[in-house]
Amino acid sequence: MKYRKFGKSHMDVSEIGFGAWAIGGSWGEQKESDSLEALKTAIDEGVNFIDTAAGYGKGKSERIVGEFLKTRPERIYVCTKTPPKPGNWPPSPYDDIEERYPEKYLRESIEERLKNLQLESLDILLLHTWTRAWNDNPKALETLQKIKSEGLIKNVGMSTPVADQNVVVQLMRAGLLDAVQVIFNIFQQEPVAQLLPVAQETGTGIIVRVPFDEGVLTGKFTGHETFPEDDFRIRYFAGDRLQRSVERTNAIKEEFKDNEFSMAELALKFSLSHEAVSTVIPGIRNKEQAKINTGVSDKRNLTEEELEKLHKHHWKRAFWYAGK
């Protein structure tokens, strides 16, 4: 396992982290024994970074991670997220930041995160969504920076809103973010235009989520999959989105058919290819996935020629949500 510096922090994190959404639910049936086995295998393979959130199973993911941490002597860094108070998701441009992220609510949420994870201080706390309307009055981030000075949080950050990831550029330059969690994969390459360079400029730690575009970039989907009602992907791949995604993935597979990487390995290596990236957090549900995903770190990096080929597969999905 290779390790990378996390922004300006003292942390050296595994370049492959553990995405803990699925162990909390929302991705179909998940046995807790599988979750614990996945965590154990990942840490045994050198992972020292776990990403979770309040919203992953209403704290279930955090609680599983918290119990697991007690069984390990290693220093394991944990990133978690707090959502805004109930309302529009993502927030409307008309939402009041002090109604969605009031200080009292943020403090209570932090206490709950610490309790679930059985920690005295959070390595990273991210706001789980945002709206550009708050950029000129980022009171919630100022509150978190104040709480950071009190010792309850070590690093403050944000998980980018999907439709407006560049919203964080202004906030990074204002010194309000220590960490940003962003979608950066073969289909979604827009962050290279400004977000990732500004992260380097400001020393902001970058956590890459969705390296597999919710699974399709593993190359395992046929386009005919059906998902249970409690699986997030039934909405993500609504209409003809799955079919279109599979067709584009198959085009990549064909272009790289003589390459030694599997499609999943290629996807992870792409997400790791930018120097600004500190860690990539594929979702891991069982020990087999833990072995496969962590093993990518020891493989060679992509060549410039390979990256140039993948750059052509950037998908400007302006009409993604139209479907059929």
C-alpha atoms as a PDB file:
ATOM      1  CA  MET A   1       0.000   0.000   0.000  1.00  0.00           C
ATOM      2  CA  LYS A   2       1.243   3.462  -0.897  1.00  0.00           C
ATOM      3  CA  TYR A   3       0.558   6.502   1.290  1.00  0.00           C
ATOM      4  CA  ARG A   4       0.047  10.159   0.448  1.00  0.00           C
ATOM      5  CA  LYS A   5       0.145  13.402   2.385  1.00  0.00           C
ATOM      6  CA  PHE A   6      -3.304  14.715   3.237  1.00  0.00           C
ATOM      7  CA  GLY A   7      -3.169  18.386   2.293  1.00  0.00           C
ATOM      8  CA  LYS A   8      -1.370  20.498   4.883  1.00  0.00           C
ATOM      9  CA  SER A   9      -2.237  18.116   7.719  1.00  0.00           C
ATOM     10  CA  HIS A  10       0.092  15.788   9.598  1.00  0.00           C
ATOM     11  CA  MET A  11      -1.715  12.773   8.141  1.00  0.00           C
ATOM     12  CA  ASP A  12      -0.194  10.276   5.726  1.00  0.00           C
ATOM     13  CA  VAL A  13      -3.150   8.316   4.405  1.00  0.00           C
ATOM     14  CA  SER A  14      -3.439   5.145   2.356  1.00  0.00           C
ATOM     15  CA  GLU A  15      -4.121   6.077  -1.258  1.00  0.00           C
ATOM     16  CA  ILE A  16      -6.890   3.485  -1.245  1.00  0.00           C
ATOM     17  CA  GLY A  17      -9.350   4.146   1.563  1.00  0.00           C
ATOM     18  CA  PHE A  18     -12.460   2.330   2.760  1.00  0.00           C
ATOM     19  CA  GLY A  19     -15.808   3.708   1.578  1.00  0.00           C
ATOM     20  CA  ALA A  20     -18.297   2.691   4.276  1.00  0.00           C
ATOM     21  CA  TRP A  21     -21.631   3.726   2.772  1.00  0.00           C
ATOM     22  CA  ALA A  22     -22.745   0.196   1.838  1.00  0.00           C
ATOM     23  CA  ILE A  23     -22.058  -1.246   5.290  1.00  0.00           C
ATOM     24  CA  GLY A  24     -24.679   1.164   6.635  1.00  0.00           C
ATOM     25  CA  GLY A  25     -27.321   0.231   4.065  1.00  0.00           C
ATOM     26  CA  SER A  26     -28.859   1.739   0.900  1.00  0.00           C
ATOM     27  CA  TRP A  27     -27.043  -0.719  -1.382  1.00  0.00           C
ATOM     28  CA  GLY A  28     -29.226  -3.761  -0.817  1.00  0.00           C
ATOM     29  CA  GLU A  29     -28.882  -6.461   1.833  1.00  0.00           C
ATOM     30  CA  GLN A  30     -25.659  -6.303   3.850  1.00  0.00           C
ATOM     31  CA  LYS A  31     -24.637  -8.704   6.600  1.00  0.00           C
ATOM     32  CA  GLU A  32     -22.756  -7.135   9.500  1.00  0.00           C
ATOM     33  CA  SER A  33     -20.369 -10.103   9.521  1.00  0.00           C
ATOM     34  CA  ASP A  34     -19.427  -9.270   5.920  1.00  0.00           C
ATOM     35  CA  SER A  35     -18.926  -5.625   6.866  1.00  0.00           C
ATOM     36  CA  LEU A  36     -16.579  -6.479   9.717  1.00  0.00           C
ATOM     37  CA  GLU A  37     -14.669  -8.957   7.568  1.00  0.00           C
ATOM     38  CA  ALA A  38     -14.308  -6.292   4.864  1.00  0.00           C
ATOM     39  CA  LEU A  39     -12.961  -3.770   7.365  1.00  0.00           C
ATOM     40  CA  LYS A  40     -10.520  -6.286   8.846  1.00  0.00           C
ATOM     41  CA  THR A  41      -9.212  -7.317   5.435  1.00  0.00           C
ATOM     42  CA  ALA A  42      -8.774  -3.720   4.275  1.00  0.00           C
ATOM     43  CA  ILE A  43      -6.836  -2.691   7.391  1.00  0.00           C
ATOM     44  CA  ASP A  44      -4.721  -5.865   7.182  1.00  0.00           C
ATOM     45  CA  GLU A  45      -3.840  -4.809   3.623  1.00  0.00           C
ATOM     46  CA  GLY A  46      -2.613  -1.404   4.766  1.00  0.00           C
ATOM     47  CA  VAL A  47      -5.686   0.830   4.597  1.00  0.00           C
ATOM     48  CA  ASN A  48      -5.638   3.500   7.303  1.00  0.00           C
ATOM     49  CA  PHE A  49      -8.460   5.764   6.075  1.00  0.00           C
ATOM     50  CA  ILE A  50     -12.187   5.111   6.502  1.00  0.00           C
ATOM     51  CA  ASP A  51     -14.967   7.314   5.145  1.00  0.00           C
ATOM     52  CA  THR A  52     -18.443   7.212   6.653  1.00  0.00           C
ATOM     53  CA  ALA A  53     -21.356   9.578   7.362  1.00  0.00           C
ATOM     54  CA  ALA A  54     -24.276  10.271   9.644  1.00  0.00           C
ATOM     55  CA  GLY A  55     -26.624   9.450   6.783  1.00  0.00           C
ATOM     56  CA  TYR A  56     -25.247   5.991   6.076  1.00  0.00           C
ATOM     57  CA  GLY A  57     -27.934   3.899   7.722  1.00  0.00           C
ATOM     58  CA  LYS A  58     -28.846   6.673  10.189  1.00  0.00           C
ATOM     59  CA  GLY A  59     -25.508   6.238  11.954  1.00  0.00           C
ATOM     60  CA  LYS A  60     -25.261   2.461  11.495  1.00  0.00           C
ATOM     61  CA  SER A  61     -22.097   2.696   9.406  1.00  0.00           C
ATOM     62  CA  GLU A  62     -20.458   4.944  12.002  1.00  0.00           C
ATOM     63  CA  ARG A  63     -21.397   2.577  14.835  1.00  0.00           C
ATOM     64  CA  ILE A  64     -19.955  -0.450  13.016  1.00  0.00           C
ATOM     65  CA  VAL A  65     -16.749   1.482  12.317  1.00  0.00           C
ATOM     66  CA  GLY A  66     -16.599   2.643  15.944  1.00  0.00           C
ATOM     67  CA  GLU A  67     -16.862  -0.879  17.305  1.00  0.00           C
ATOM     68  CA  PHE A  68     -14.295  -2.110  14.788  1.00  0.00           C
ATOM     69  CA  LEU A  69     -11.771   0.591  15.691  1.00  0.00           C
ATOM     70  CA  LYS A  70     -11.633  -0.752  19.266  1.00  0.00           C
ATOM     71  CA  THR A  71     -10.238  -4.028  17.943  1.00  0.00           C
ATOM     72  CA  ARG A  72      -7.254  -2.518  16.114  1.00  0.00           C
ATOM     73  CA  PRO A  73      -4.004  -1.070  17.469  1.00  0.00           C
ATOM     74  CA  GLU A  74      -3.138   0.843  14.254  1.00  0.00           C
ATOM     75  CA  ARG A  75      -3.689   4.565  13.814  1.00  0.00           C
ATOM     76  CA  ILE A  76      -6.722   4.683  11.539  1.00  0.00           C
ATOM     77  CA  TYR A  77      -8.018   8.028  10.281  1.00  0.00           C
ATOM     78  CA  VAL A  78     -11.772   8.474  10.052  1.00  0.00           C
ATOM     79  CA  CYS A  79     -13.715  10.948   7.948  1.00  0.00           C
ATOM     80  CA  THR A  80     -17.411  11.414   8.627  1.00  0.00           C
ATOM     81  CA  LYS A  81     -20.103  13.806   7.436  1.00  0.00           C
ATOM     82  CA  THR A  82     -23.019  15.710   8.884  1.00  0.00           C
ATOM     83  CA  PRO A  83     -26.004  16.640   6.699  1.00  0.00           C
ATOM     84  CA  PRO A  84     -27.987  19.858   6.946  1.00  0.00           C
ATOM     85  CA  LYS A  85     -31.193  19.888   8.958  1.00  0.00           C
ATOM     86  CA  PRO A  86     -34.094  18.265   7.052  1.00  0.00           C
ATOM     87  CA  GLY A  87     -35.128  20.101   3.919  1.00  0.00           C
ATOM     88  CA  ASN A  88     -34.208  20.331   0.248  1.00  0.00           C
ATOM     89  CA  TRP A  89     -31.403  18.023  -0.929  1.00  0.00           C
ATOM     90  CA  PRO A  90     -29.340  19.539  -2.339  1.00  0.00           C
ATOM     91  CA  PRO A  91     -30.198  22.806  -0.597  1.00  0.00           C
ATOM     92  CA  SER A  92     -32.196  25.352  -2.549  1.00  0.00           C
ATOM     93  CA  PRO A  93     -30.530  28.684  -3.398  1.00  0.00           C
ATOM     94  CA  TYR A  94     -33.301  30.209  -1.279  1.00  0.00           C
ATOM     95  CA  ASP A  95     -32.407  28.194   1.846  1.00  0.00           C
ATOM     96  CA  ASP A  96     -31.021  30.082   4.846  1.00  0.00           C
ATOM     97  CA  ILE A  97     -27.675  28.660   5.995  1.00  0.00           C
ATOM     98  CA  GLU A  98     -28.485  29.446   9.614  1.00  0.00           C
ATOM     99  CA  GLU A  99     -31.670  27.387   9.364  1.00  0.00           C
ATOM    100  CA  ARG A 100     -30.028  24.401   7.657  1.00  0.00           C
ATOM    101  CA  TYR A 101     -26.688  24.435   9.562  1.00  0.00           C
ATOM    102  CA  PRO A 102     -27.263  26.343  12.826  1.00  0.00           C
ATOM    103  CA  GLU A 103     -24.450  26.223  15.395  1.00  0.00           C
ATOM    104  CA  LYS A 104     -26.510  24.366  18.004  1.00  0.00           C
ATOM    105  CA  TYR A 105     -27.372  21.670  15.464  1.00  0.00           C
ATOM    106  CA  LEU A 106     -23.755  21.344  14.291  1.00  0.00           C
ATOM    107  CA  ARG A 107     -22.514  20.919  17.849  1.00  0.00           C
ATOM    108  CA  GLU A 108     -25.154  18.308  18.632  1.00  0.00           C
ATOM    109  CA  SER A 109     -24.318  16.439  15.420  1.00  0.00           C
ATOM    110  CA  ILE A 110     -20.614  16.435  16.253  1.00  0.00           C
ATOM    111  CA  GLU A 111     -21.407  14.990  19.686  1.00  0.00           C
ATOM    112  CA  GLU A 112     -23.418  12.237  18.000  1.00  0.00           C
ATOM    113  CA  ARG A 113     -20.641  11.514  15.493  1.00  0.00           C
ATOM    114  CA  LEU A 114     -18.119  11.212  18.335  1.00  0.00           C
ATOM    115  CA  LYS A 115     -20.452   8.946  20.294  1.00  0.00           C
ATOM    116  CA  ASN A 116     -21.139   6.647  17.340  1.00  0.00           C
ATOM    117  CA  LEU A 117     -17.456   6.396  16.435  1.00  0.00           C
ATOM    118  CA  GLN A 118     -16.365   6.198  20.093  1.00  0.00           C
ATOM    119  CA  LEU A 119     -13.774   8.898  19.523  1.00  0.00           C
ATOM    120  CA  GLU A 120     -12.708  11.993  21.452  1.00  0.00           C
ATOM    121  CA  SER A 121     -11.924  14.016  18.327  1.00  0.00           C
ATOM    122  CA  LEU A 122     -12.880  13.695  14.653  1.00  0.00           C
ATOM    123  CA  ASP A 123      -9.993  13.493  12.178  1.00  0.00           C
ATOM    124  CA  ILE A 124     -12.177  15.009   9.434  1.00  0.00           C
ATOM    125  CA  LEU A 125     -15.713  16.343   9.531  1.00  0.00           C
ATOM    126  CA  LEU A 126     -17.352  17.215   6.223  1.00  0.00           C
ATOM    127  CA  LEU A 127     -20.581  19.069   5.587  1.00  0.00           C
ATOM    128  CA  HIS A 128     -22.492  16.591   3.465  1.00  0.00           C
ATOM    129  CA  THR A 129     -23.851  19.115   0.971  1.00  0.00           C
ATOM    130  CA  TRP A 130     -23.903  22.825   0.179  1.00  0.00           C
ATOM    131  CA  THR A 131     -25.275  25.502  -2.116  1.00  0.00           C
ATOM    132  CA  ARG A 132     -23.350  28.285  -3.875  1.00  0.00           C
ATOM    133  CA  ALA A 133     -25.859  30.699  -2.342  1.00  0.00           C
ATOM    134  CA  TRP A 134     -23.970  30.347   0.955  1.00  0.00           C
ATOM    135  CA  ASN A 135     -20.488  31.057  -0.399  1.00  0.00           C
ATOM    136  CA  ASP A 136     -20.512  34.725   0.547  1.00  0.00           C
ATOM    137  CA  ASN A 137     -21.872  33.956   4.019  1.00  0.00           C
ATOM    138  CA  PRO A 138     -20.277  30.596   4.905  1.00  0.00           C
ATOM    139  CA  LYS A 139     -21.260  30.802   8.570  1.00  0.00           C
ATOM    140  CA  ALA A 140     -21.445  27.027   9.060  1.00  0.00           C
ATOM    141  CA  LEU A 141     -17.822  26.607   7.959  1.00  0.00           C
ATOM    142  CA  GLU A 142     -16.764  29.456  10.224  1.00  0.00           C
ATOM    143  CA  THR A 143     -18.556  27.683  13.085  1.00  0.00           C
ATOM    144  CA  LEU A 144     -16.739  24.428  12.304  1.00  0.00           C
ATOM    145  CA  GLN A 145     -13.392  26.224  12.204  1.00  0.00           C
ATOM    146  CA  LYS A 146     -14.205  27.588  15.667  1.00  0.00           C
ATOM    147  CA  ILE A 147     -15.067  24.080  16.905  1.00  0.00           C
ATOM    148  CA  LYS A 148     -11.817  22.874  15.339  1.00  0.00           C
ATOM    149  CA  SER A 149      -9.929  25.361  17.539  1.00  0.00           C
ATOM    150  CA  GLU A 150     -11.657  23.732  20.531  1.00  0.00           C
ATOM    151  CA  GLY A 151     -10.178  20.346  19.622  1.00  0.00           C
ATOM    152  CA  LEU A 152     -13.312  18.389  18.686  1.00  0.00           C
ATOM    153  CA  ILE A 153     -12.385  18.376  14.980  1.00  0.00           C
ATOM    154  CA  LYS A 154      -8.928  18.222  13.434  1.00  0.00           C
ATOM    155  CA  ASN A 155      -9.906  19.012   9.820  1.00  0.00           C
ATOM    156  CA  VAL A 156     -12.975  20.752   8.398  1.00  0.00           C
ATOM    157  CA  GLY A 157     -14.286  20.064   4.923  1.00  0.00           C
ATOM    158  CA  MET A 158     -17.111  19.517   2.507  1.00  0.00           C
ATOM    159  CA  SER A 159     -18.507  16.803   0.282  1.00  0.00           C
ATOM    160  CA  THR A 160     -19.230  18.604  -2.979  1.00  0.00           C
ATOM    161  CA  PRO A 161     -22.771  18.983  -4.335  1.00  0.00           C
ATOM    162  CA  VAL A 162     -22.904  16.770  -7.430  1.00  0.00           C
ATOM    163  CA  ALA A 163     -24.240  19.414  -9.816  1.00  0.00           C
ATOM    164  CA  ASP A 164     -21.853  22.198  -8.716  1.00  0.00           C
ATOM    165  CA  GLN A 165     -18.576  20.724  -7.537  1.00  0.00           C
ATOM    166  CA  ASN A 166     -16.619  23.907  -8.274  1.00  0.00           C
ATOM    167  CA  VAL A 167     -18.562  25.648  -5.500  1.00  0.00           C
ATOM    168  CA  VAL A 168     -15.629  24.761  -3.216  1.00  0.00           C
ATOM    169  CA  VAL A 169     -13.001  26.724  -5.168  1.00  0.00           C
ATOM    170  CA  GLN A 170     -13.906  30.057  -3.534  1.00  0.00           C
ATOM    171  CA  LEU A 171     -14.059  28.402  -0.104  1.00  0.00           C
ATOM    172  CA  MET A 172     -10.666  26.710  -0.483  1.00  0.00           C
ATOM    173  CA  ARG A 173      -9.086  30.019  -1.429  1.00  0.00           C
ATOM    174  CA  ALA A 174     -10.733  31.641   1.587  1.00  0.00           C
ATOM    175  CA  GLY A 175      -8.952  29.124   3.848  1.00  0.00           C
ATOM    176  CA  LEU A 176     -12.203  27.611   5.137  1.00  0.00           C
ATOM    177  CA  LEU A 177     -11.651  24.048   3.945  1.00  0.00           C
ATOM    178  CA  ASP A 178      -8.954  21.598   5.033  1.00  0.00           C
ATOM    179  CA  ALA A 179     -10.543  18.759   3.056  1.00  0.00           C
ATOM    180  CA  VAL A 180     -12.810  18.302   0.051  1.00  0.00           C
ATOM    181  CA  GLN A 181     -14.544  15.131  -1.039  1.00  0.00           C
ATOM    182  CA  VAL A 182     -15.150  15.186  -4.777  1.00  0.00           C
ATOM    183  CA  ILE A 183     -16.358  12.990  -7.621  1.00  0.00           C
ATOM    184  CA  PHE A 184     -13.441  12.389  -9.984  1.00  0.00           C
ATOM    185  CA  ASN A 185     -13.592   9.388 -12.294  1.00  0.00           C
ATOM    186  CA  ILE A 186     -13.221   8.448 -15.957  1.00  0.00           C
ATOM    187  CA  PHE A 187     -16.666   9.850 -16.759  1.00  0.00           C
ATOM    188  CA  GLN A 188     -16.424  12.896 -14.463  1.00  0.00           C
ATOM    189  CA  GLN A 189     -13.152  14.717 -15.164  1.00  0.00           C
ATOM    190  CA  GLU A 190     -14.226  18.346 -14.724  1.00  0.00           C
ATOM    191  CA  PRO A 191     -12.295  18.733 -11.402  1.00  0.00           C
ATOM    192  CA  VAL A 192      -8.997  18.849 -13.331  1.00  0.00           C
ATOM    193  CA  ALA A 193      -9.998  22.204 -14.833  1.00  0.00           C
ATOM    194  CA  GLN A 194      -9.807  24.174 -11.585  1.00  0.00           C
ATOM    195  CA  LEU A 195     -10.831  22.310  -8.440  1.00  0.00           C
ATOM    196  CA  LEU A 196      -7.827  19.991  -8.193  1.00  0.00           C
ATOM    197  CA  PRO A 197      -5.223  22.635  -9.120  1.00  0.00           C
ATOM    198  CA  VAL A 198      -6.681  24.991  -6.494  1.00  0.00           C
ATOM    199  CA  ALA A 199      -6.526  22.179  -3.931  1.00  0.00           C
ATOM    200  CA  GLN A 200      -2.790  21.902  -4.654  1.00  0.00           C
ATOM    201  CA  GLU A 201      -2.417  25.675  -4.461  1.00  0.00           C
ATOM    202  CA  THR A 202      -4.154  25.862  -1.068  1.00  0.00           C
ATOM    203  CA  GLY A 203      -2.944  22.590   0.486  1.00  0.00           C
ATOM    204  CA  THR A 204      -6.446  21.122   0.679  1.00  0.00           C
ATOM    205  CA  GLY A 205      -6.689  17.355   1.163  1.00  0.00           C
ATOM    206  CA  ILE A 206      -8.683  15.649  -1.610  1.00  0.00           C
ATOM    207  CA  ILE A 207     -10.815  12.563  -1.041  1.00  0.00           C
ATOM    208  CA  VAL A 208     -12.132  11.061  -4.283  1.00  0.00           C
ATOM    209  CA  ARG A 209     -15.528   9.415  -4.069  1.00  0.00           C
ATOM    210  CA  VAL A 210     -17.484   7.451  -6.715  1.00  0.00           C
ATOM    211  CA  PRO A 211     -14.406   6.135  -8.608  1.00  0.00           C
ATOM    212  CA  PHE A 212     -16.607   3.433 -10.166  1.00  0.00           C
ATOM    213  CA  ASP A 213     -19.519   5.759 -11.020  1.00  0.00           C
ATOM    214  CA  GLU A 214     -21.721   3.797  -8.603  1.00  0.00           C
ATOM    215  CA  GLY A 215     -20.450   0.464  -9.899  1.00  0.00           C
ATOM    216  CA  VAL A 216     -20.720   0.670 -13.669  1.00  0.00           C
ATOM    217  CA  LEU A 217     -17.001   1.423 -14.192  1.00  0.00           C
ATOM    218  CA  THR A 218     -16.113  -1.932 -12.652  1.00  0.00           C
ATOM    219  CA  GLY A 219     -17.157  -3.331 -16.020  1.00  0.00           C
ATOM    220  CA  LYS A 220     -19.422  -5.957 -14.447  1.00  0.00           C
ATOM    221  CA  PHE A 221     -22.801  -4.524 -15.461  1.00  0.00           C
ATOM    222  CA  THR A 222     -24.635  -5.716 -18.575  1.00  0.00           C
ATOM    223  CA  GLY A 223     -27.262  -2.997 -18.739  1.00  0.00           C
ATOM    224  CA  HIS A 224     -30.055  -5.379 -17.759  1.00  0.00           C
ATOM    225  CA  GLU A 225     -29.550  -5.251 -13.986  1.00  0.00           C
ATOM    226  CA  THR A 226     -32.462  -4.598 -11.651  1.00  0.00           C
ATOM    227  CA  PHE A 227     -31.987  -3.213  -8.162  1.00  0.00           C
ATOM    228  CA  PRO A 228     -34.122  -3.683  -5.041  1.00  0.00           C
ATOM    229  CA  GLU A 229     -36.174  -0.762  -3.744  1.00  0.00           C
ATOM    230  CA  ASP A 230     -33.758  -0.155  -0.857  1.00  0.00           C
ATOM    231  CA  ASP A 231     -30.786   0.122  -3.246  1.00  0.00           C
ATOM    232  CA  PHE A 232     -29.709   3.679  -4.059  1.00  0.00           C
ATOM    233  CA  ARG A 233     -28.815   2.634  -7.609  1.00  0.00           C
ATOM    234  CA  ILE A 234     -32.455   2.073  -8.585  1.00  0.00           C
ATOM    235  CA  ARG A 235     -32.735   5.867  -8.681  1.00  0.00           C
ATOM    236  CA  TYR A 236     -29.232   6.674  -9.894  1.00  0.00           C
ATOM    237  CA  PHE A 237     -29.636   4.439 -12.944  1.00  0.00           C
ATOM    238  CA  ALA A 238     -33.279   5.334 -13.660  1.00  0.00           C
ATOM    239  CA  GLY A 239     -34.574   5.507 -17.212  1.00  0.00           C
ATOM    240  CA  ASP A 240     -31.909   4.587 -19.753  1.00  0.00           C
ATOM    241  CA  ARG A 241     -28.967   5.795 -17.647  1.00  0.00           C
ATOM    242  CA  LEU A 242     -27.657   2.285 -16.911  1.00  0.00           C
ATOM    243  CA  GLN A 243     -27.748   1.244 -20.566  1.00  0.00           C
ATOM    244  CA  ARG A 244     -25.916   4.407 -21.671  1.00  0.00           C
ATOM    245  CA  SER A 245     -23.328   3.997 -18.928  1.00  0.00           C
ATOM    246  CA  VAL A 246     -22.669   0.356 -19.814  1.00  0.00           C
ATOM    247  CA  GLU A 247     -22.244   1.205 -23.500  1.00  0.00           C
ATOM    248  CA  ARG A 248     -19.619   3.821 -22.654  1.00  0.00           C
ATOM    249  CA  THR A 249     -17.867   1.483 -20.212  1.00  0.00           C
ATOM    250  CA  ASN A 250     -17.755  -1.252 -22.835  1.00  0.00           C
ATOM    251  CA  ALA A 251     -16.100   1.175 -25.247  1.00  0.00           C
ATOM    252  CA  ILE A 252     -13.326   1.739 -22.678  1.00  0.00           C
ATOM    253  CA  LYS A 253     -12.974  -2.005 -22.106  1.00  0.00           C
ATOM    254  CA  GLU A 254     -12.575  -2.561 -25.833  1.00  0.00           C
ATOM    255  CA  GLU A 255      -9.953   0.167 -26.142  1.00  0.00           C
ATOM    256  CA  PHE A 256      -7.952  -1.292 -23.228  1.00  0.00           C
ATOM    257  CA  LYS A 257      -8.566  -4.976 -23.952  1.00  0.00           C
ATOM    258  CA  ASP A 258      -4.835  -5.670 -24.306  1.00  0.00           C
ATOM    259  CA  ASN A 259      -4.004  -3.871 -21.052  1.00  0.00           C
ATOM    260  CA  GLU A 260      -3.153  -5.859 -17.908  1.00  0.00           C
ATOM    261  CA  PHE A 261      -5.603  -3.875 -15.751  1.00  0.00           C
ATOM    262  CA  SER A 262      -9.154  -4.989 -15.098  1.00  0.00           C
ATOM    263  CA  MET A 263     -11.785  -2.310 -15.693  1.00  0.00           C
ATOM    264  CA  ALA A 264     -12.089  -1.714 -11.924  1.00  0.00           C
ATOM    265  CA  GLU A 265      -8.312  -1.378 -11.576  1.00  0.00           C
ATOM    266  CA  LEU A 266      -8.195   1.026 -14.505  1.00  0.00           C
ATOM    267  CA  ALA A 267     -10.921   3.148 -12.903  1.00  0.00           C
ATOM    268  CA  LEU A 268      -9.121   3.332  -9.556  1.00  0.00           C
ATOM    269  CA  LYS A 269      -5.782   4.124 -11.176  1.00  0.00           C
ATOM    270  CA  PHE A 270      -7.420   6.956 -13.102  1.00  0.00           C
ATOM    271  CA  SER A 271      -8.898   8.460  -9.933  1.00  0.00           C
ATOM    272  CA  LEU A 272      -5.434   8.288  -8.343  1.00  0.00           C
ATOM    273  CA  SER A 273      -3.710   9.870 -11.329  1.00  0.00           C
ATOM    274  CA  HIS A 274      -3.856  13.530 -10.266  1.00  0.00           C
ATOM    275  CA  GLU A 275      -1.205  14.758  -7.814  1.00  0.00           C
ATOM    276  CA  ALA A 276      -3.790  16.660  -5.773  1.00  0.00           C
ATOM    277  CA  VAL A 277      -5.567  13.436  -4.761  1.00  0.00           C
ATOM    278  CA  SER A 278      -4.804  12.181  -1.256  1.00  0.00           C
ATOM    279  CA  THR A 279      -6.998   9.084  -1.187  1.00  0.00           C
ATOM    280  CA  VAL A 280      -9.706   7.313  -3.204  1.00  0.00           C
ATOM    281  CA  ILE A 281     -12.563   5.629  -1.323  1.00  0.00           C
ATOM    282  CA  PRO A 282     -14.190   2.802  -3.293  1.00  0.00           C
ATOM    283  CA  GLY A 283     -17.183   1.279  -1.564  1.00  0.00           C
ATOM    284  CA  ILE A 284     -16.181  -2.012   0.036  1.00  0.00           C
ATOM    285  CA  ARG A 285     -18.765  -4.576   1.178  1.00  0.00           C
ATOM    286  CA  ASN A 286     -16.832  -7.829   1.655  1.00  0.00           C
ATOM    287  CA  LYS A 287     -13.325  -9.250   1.984  1.00  0.00           C
ATOM    288  CA  GLU A 288     -13.089 -10.050  -1.741  1.00  0.00           C
ATOM    289  CA  GLN A 289     -13.694  -6.419  -2.698  1.00  0.00           C
ATOM    290  CA  ALA A 290     -11.273  -5.322   0.006  1.00  0.00           C
ATOM    291  CA  LYS A 291      -8.524  -7.535  -1.450  1.00  0.00           C
ATOM    292  CA  ILE A 292      -9.118  -6.431  -5.036  1.00  0.00           C
ATOM    293  CA  ASN A 293      -9.375  -2.707  -4.337  1.00  0.00           C
ATOM    294  CA  THR A 294      -6.433  -2.462  -1.972  1.00  0.00           C
ATOM    295  CA  GLY A 295      -4.241  -4.484  -4.316  1.00  0.00           C
ATOM    296  CA  VAL A 296      -4.485  -1.742  -6.955  1.00  0.00           C
ATOM    297  CA  SER A 297      -2.077   0.445  -4.980  1.00  0.00           C
ATOM    298  CA  ASP A 298       0.817  -1.945  -5.621  1.00  0.00           C
ATOM    299  CA  LYS A 299       0.278  -1.969  -9.369  1.00  0.00           C
ATOM    300  CA  ARG A 300       2.055   0.435 -11.723  1.00  0.00           C
ATOM    301  CA  ASN A 301       0.681   3.874 -12.474  1.00  0.00           C
ATOM    302  CA  LEU A 302      -1.010   4.649 -15.769  1.00  0.00           C
ATOM    303  CA  THR A 303       1.241   5.998 -18.502  1.00  0.00           C
ATOM    304  CA  GLU A 304       0.707   9.417 -20.078  1.00  0.00           C
ATOM    305  CA  GLU A 305      -0.460   7.673 -23.251  1.00  0.00           C
ATOM    306  CA  GLU A 306      -3.048   5.664 -21.296  1.00  0.00           C
ATOM    307  CA  LEU A 307      -4.267   8.764 -19.479  1.00  0.00           C
ATOM    308  CA  GLU A 308      -4.632  10.652 -22.759  1.00  0.00           C
ATOM    309  CA  LYS A 309      -6.842   7.850 -24.076  1.00  0.00           C
ATOM    310  CA  LEU A 310      -8.987   7.994 -20.940  1.00  0.00           C
ATOM    311  CA  HIS A 311      -9.286  11.773 -21.133  1.00  0.00           C
ATOM    312  CA  LYS A 312     -11.386  11.274 -24.268  1.00  0.00           C
ATOM    313  CA  HIS A 313     -13.990   9.381 -22.238  1.00  0.00           C
ATOM    314  CA  HIS A 314     -14.933  12.420 -20.139  1.00  0.00           C
ATOM    315  CA  TRP A 315     -18.729  12.461 -20.302  1.00  0.00           C
ATOM    316  CA  LYS A 316     -20.423  15.864 -20.231  1.00  0.00           C
ATOM    317  CA  ARG A 317     -23.690  14.569 -18.838  1.00  0.00           C
ATOM    318  CA  ALA A 318     -25.761  17.749 -19.143  1.00  0.00           C
ATOM    319  CA  PHE A 319     -28.805  15.654 -19.971  1.00  0.00           C
ATOM    320  CA  TRP A 320     -27.994  12.717 -17.693  1.00  0.00           C
ATOM    321  CA  TYR A 321     -31.164  13.095 -15.655  1.00  0.00           C
ATOM    322  CA  ALA A 322     -33.497  13.229 -18.662  1.00  0.00           C
ATOM    323  CA  GLY A 323     -33.455   9.482 -19.238  1.00  0.00           C
ATOM    324  CA  LYS A 324     -36.159   8.162 -21.540  1.00  0.00           C
END
